[in-house]
């Protein structure tokens, strides 16, 4: 058995999710059990991007608020900065999660 993991994907979350879906299809073949694992894995993948994107939107909203509410500009800019950092951290963590879940699925 090859010890190289099937899922060792790199890049942004959206890129990794796209690659993971393709790898998932390649892995399934005509196996009914694998089809179910793949179905549930792809459902999980679909949930990840909107979750991460919600923090990108929060950053944008805070930046907009900073423009329209000058008296609270620094507060909103701080909030935008924290959302930006969090979105980047979440993106990286979710990429690792995709790889872990994908490899766990393949090992079953």
C-alpha atoms as a PDB file:
ATOM      1  CA  UNK A   1       0.000   0.000   0.000  1.00  0.00           C
ATOM      2  CA  UNK A   2       1.279   3.459  -0.917  1.00  0.00           C
ATOM      3  CA  UNK A   3       1.883   5.536   2.207  1.00  0.00           C
ATOM      4  CA  UNK A   4       1.585   8.870   0.371  1.00  0.00           C
ATOM      5  CA  UNK A   5      -1.649  10.543   1.445  1.00  0.00           C
ATOM      6  CA  UNK A   6      -4.169  11.167  -1.331  1.00  0.00           C
ATOM      7  CA  UNK A   7      -5.086  14.477   0.263  1.00  0.00           C
ATOM      8  CA  UNK A   8      -2.087  16.760   0.703  1.00  0.00           C
ATOM      9  CA  UNK A   9      -3.640  19.732  -1.037  1.00  0.00           C
ATOM     10  CA  UNK A  10      -2.331  23.279  -0.787  1.00  0.00           C
ATOM     11  CA  UNK A  11      -3.620  26.723  -1.656  1.00  0.00           C
ATOM     12  CA  UNK A  12      -6.620  28.810  -0.745  1.00  0.00           C
ATOM     13  CA  UNK A  13      -9.672  27.126   0.725  1.00  0.00           C
ATOM     14  CA  UNK A  14     -11.739  27.553  -2.448  1.00  0.00           C
ATOM     15  CA  UNK A  15      -8.937  26.037  -4.556  1.00  0.00           C
ATOM     16  CA  UNK A  16      -8.435  23.127  -2.143  1.00  0.00           C
ATOM     17  CA  UNK A  17     -12.179  22.416  -1.983  1.00  0.00           C
ATOM     18  CA  UNK A  18     -12.305  22.262  -5.780  1.00  0.00           C
ATOM     19  CA  UNK A  19      -9.305  19.904  -5.889  1.00  0.00           C
ATOM     20  CA  UNK A  20     -10.761  17.769  -3.090  1.00  0.00           C
ATOM     21  CA  UNK A  21     -14.014  17.255  -4.990  1.00  0.00           C
ATOM     22  CA  UNK A  22     -12.055  16.057  -8.026  1.00  0.00           C
ATOM     23  CA  UNK A  23      -9.865  13.716  -5.944  1.00  0.00           C
ATOM     24  CA  UNK A  24     -12.987  12.426  -4.237  1.00  0.00           C
ATOM     25  CA  UNK A  25     -14.545  11.481  -7.573  1.00  0.00           C
ATOM     26  CA  UNK A  26     -11.326   9.733  -8.649  1.00  0.00           C
ATOM     27  CA  UNK A  27     -11.230   7.763  -5.391  1.00  0.00           C
ATOM     28  CA  UNK A  28     -14.843   6.541  -5.459  1.00  0.00           C
ATOM     29  CA  UNK A  29     -14.855   4.373  -8.568  1.00  0.00           C
ATOM     30  CA  UNK A  30     -17.923   2.118  -8.570  1.00  0.00           C
ATOM     31  CA  UNK A  31     -17.923   1.335  -4.848  1.00  0.00           C
ATOM     32  CA  UNK A  32     -21.271   2.000  -3.089  1.00  0.00           C
ATOM     33  CA  UNK A  33     -19.708   2.568   0.350  1.00  0.00           C
ATOM     34  CA  UNK A  34     -17.144   4.944  -1.087  1.00  0.00           C
ATOM     35  CA  UNK A  35     -19.944   6.815  -2.867  1.00  0.00           C
ATOM     36  CA  UNK A  36     -21.628   7.477   0.488  1.00  0.00           C
ATOM     37  CA  UNK A  37     -18.386   8.581   2.158  1.00  0.00           C
ATOM     38  CA  UNK A  38     -17.737  10.874  -0.806  1.00  0.00           C
ATOM     39  CA  UNK A  39     -21.271  12.290  -0.722  1.00  0.00           C
ATOM     40  CA  UNK A  40     -20.996  13.258   2.941  1.00  0.00           C
ATOM     41  CA  UNK A  41     -17.451  14.587   2.474  1.00  0.00           C
ATOM     42  CA  UNK A  42     -18.603  16.820  -0.383  1.00  0.00           C
ATOM     43  CA  UNK A  43     -21.531  18.070   1.751  1.00  0.00           C
ATOM     44  CA  UNK A  44     -19.011  19.075   4.422  1.00  0.00           C
ATOM     45  CA  UNK A  45     -16.858  20.792   1.798  1.00  0.00           C
ATOM     46  CA  UNK A  46     -19.827  22.879   0.658  1.00  0.00           C
ATOM     47  CA  UNK A  47     -20.261  24.264   4.177  1.00  0.00           C
ATOM     48  CA  UNK A  48     -16.664  25.434   4.600  1.00  0.00           C
ATOM     49  CA  UNK A  49     -16.371  28.219   2.028  1.00  0.00           C
ATOM     50  CA  UNK A  50     -19.439  30.202   3.176  1.00  0.00           C
ATOM     51  CA  UNK A  51     -18.238  29.908   6.775  1.00  0.00           C
ATOM     52  CA  UNK A  52     -14.862  31.434   5.910  1.00  0.00           C
ATOM     53  CA  UNK A  53     -16.410  33.966   3.507  1.00  0.00           C
ATOM     54  CA  UNK A  54     -18.667  35.255   6.280  1.00  0.00           C
ATOM     55  CA  UNK A  55     -15.584  36.690   8.025  1.00  0.00           C
ATOM     56  CA  UNK A  56     -14.381  38.298   4.803  1.00  0.00           C
ATOM     57  CA  UNK A  57     -17.816  39.955   4.555  1.00  0.00           C
ATOM     58  CA  UNK A  58     -17.612  41.109   8.178  1.00  0.00           C
ATOM     59  CA  UNK A  59     -14.264  42.754   7.368  1.00  0.00           C
ATOM     60  CA  UNK A  60     -15.807  44.543   4.373  1.00  0.00           C
ATOM     61  CA  UNK A  61     -18.791  45.659   6.451  1.00  0.00           C
ATOM     62  CA  UNK A  62     -16.494  47.067   9.150  1.00  0.00           C
ATOM     63  CA  UNK A  63     -14.470  48.972   6.528  1.00  0.00           C
ATOM     64  CA  UNK A  64     -17.684  50.419   5.101  1.00  0.00           C
ATOM     65  CA  UNK A  65     -18.821  51.434   8.573  1.00  0.00           C
ATOM     66  CA  UNK A  66     -15.466  53.154   9.133  1.00  0.00           C
ATOM     67  CA  UNK A  67     -16.081  55.302   6.053  1.00  0.00           C
ATOM     68  CA  UNK A  68     -19.627  56.225   7.032  1.00  0.00           C
ATOM     69  CA  UNK A  69     -19.118  56.750  10.761  1.00  0.00           C
ATOM     70  CA  UNK A  70     -15.957  58.829  11.159  1.00  0.00           C
ATOM     71  CA  UNK A  71     -16.443  59.172  14.912  1.00  0.00           C
ATOM     72  CA  UNK A  72     -16.063  55.375  15.240  1.00  0.00           C
ATOM     73  CA  UNK A  73     -13.517  54.964  12.432  1.00  0.00           C
ATOM     74  CA  UNK A  74     -10.719  53.520  14.585  1.00  0.00           C
ATOM     75  CA  UNK A  75     -13.070  51.044  16.241  1.00  0.00           C
ATOM     76  CA  UNK A  76     -14.329  49.792  12.886  1.00  0.00           C
ATOM     77  CA  UNK A  77     -10.836  49.641  11.376  1.00  0.00           C
ATOM     78  CA  UNK A  78      -9.665  47.561  14.345  1.00  0.00           C
ATOM     79  CA  UNK A  79     -12.654  45.266  13.849  1.00  0.00           C
ATOM     80  CA  UNK A  80     -11.868  44.964  10.124  1.00  0.00           C
ATOM     81  CA  UNK A  81      -8.234  44.099  10.889  1.00  0.00           C
ATOM     82  CA  UNK A  82      -9.240  41.379  13.354  1.00  0.00           C
ATOM     83  CA  UNK A  83     -11.784  39.904  10.908  1.00  0.00           C
ATOM     84  CA  UNK A  84      -9.102  39.880   8.208  1.00  0.00           C
ATOM     85  CA  UNK A  85      -6.644  38.026  10.454  1.00  0.00           C
ATOM     86  CA  UNK A  86      -9.335  35.591  11.568  1.00  0.00           C
ATOM     87  CA  UNK A  87     -10.448  34.878   7.977  1.00  0.00           C
ATOM     88  CA  UNK A  88      -6.848  34.089   6.972  1.00  0.00           C
ATOM     89  CA  UNK A  89      -6.338  31.835  10.002  1.00  0.00           C
ATOM     90  CA  UNK A  90      -9.640  30.092   9.376  1.00  0.00           C
ATOM     91  CA  UNK A  91      -8.781  29.586   5.705  1.00  0.00           C
ATOM     92  CA  UNK A  92      -5.518  27.841   6.641  1.00  0.00           C
ATOM     93  CA  UNK A  93      -7.125  25.745   9.348  1.00  0.00           C
ATOM     94  CA  UNK A  94      -9.933  24.644   7.039  1.00  0.00           C
ATOM     95  CA  UNK A  95      -7.423  23.644   4.349  1.00  0.00           C
ATOM     96  CA  UNK A  96      -5.801  21.361   6.951  1.00  0.00           C
ATOM     97  CA  UNK A  97      -9.233  20.052   7.907  1.00  0.00           C
ATOM     98  CA  UNK A  98     -10.082  19.213   4.275  1.00  0.00           C
ATOM     99  CA  UNK A  99      -6.852  17.228   3.982  1.00  0.00           C
ATOM    100  CA  UNK A 100      -7.418  15.435   7.292  1.00  0.00           C
ATOM    101  CA  UNK A 101     -11.038  14.538   6.510  1.00  0.00           C
ATOM    102  CA  UNK A 102     -10.114  13.439   3.006  1.00  0.00           C
ATOM    103  CA  UNK A 103      -7.325  11.175   4.241  1.00  0.00           C
ATOM    104  CA  UNK A 104      -9.543   9.782   7.014  1.00  0.00           C
ATOM    105  CA  UNK A 105     -12.215   8.976   4.415  1.00  0.00           C
ATOM    106  CA  UNK A 106      -9.699   7.195   2.164  1.00  0.00           C
ATOM    107  CA  UNK A 107      -8.337   5.117   5.058  1.00  0.00           C
ATOM    108  CA  UNK A 108     -11.763   3.698   5.961  1.00  0.00           C
END
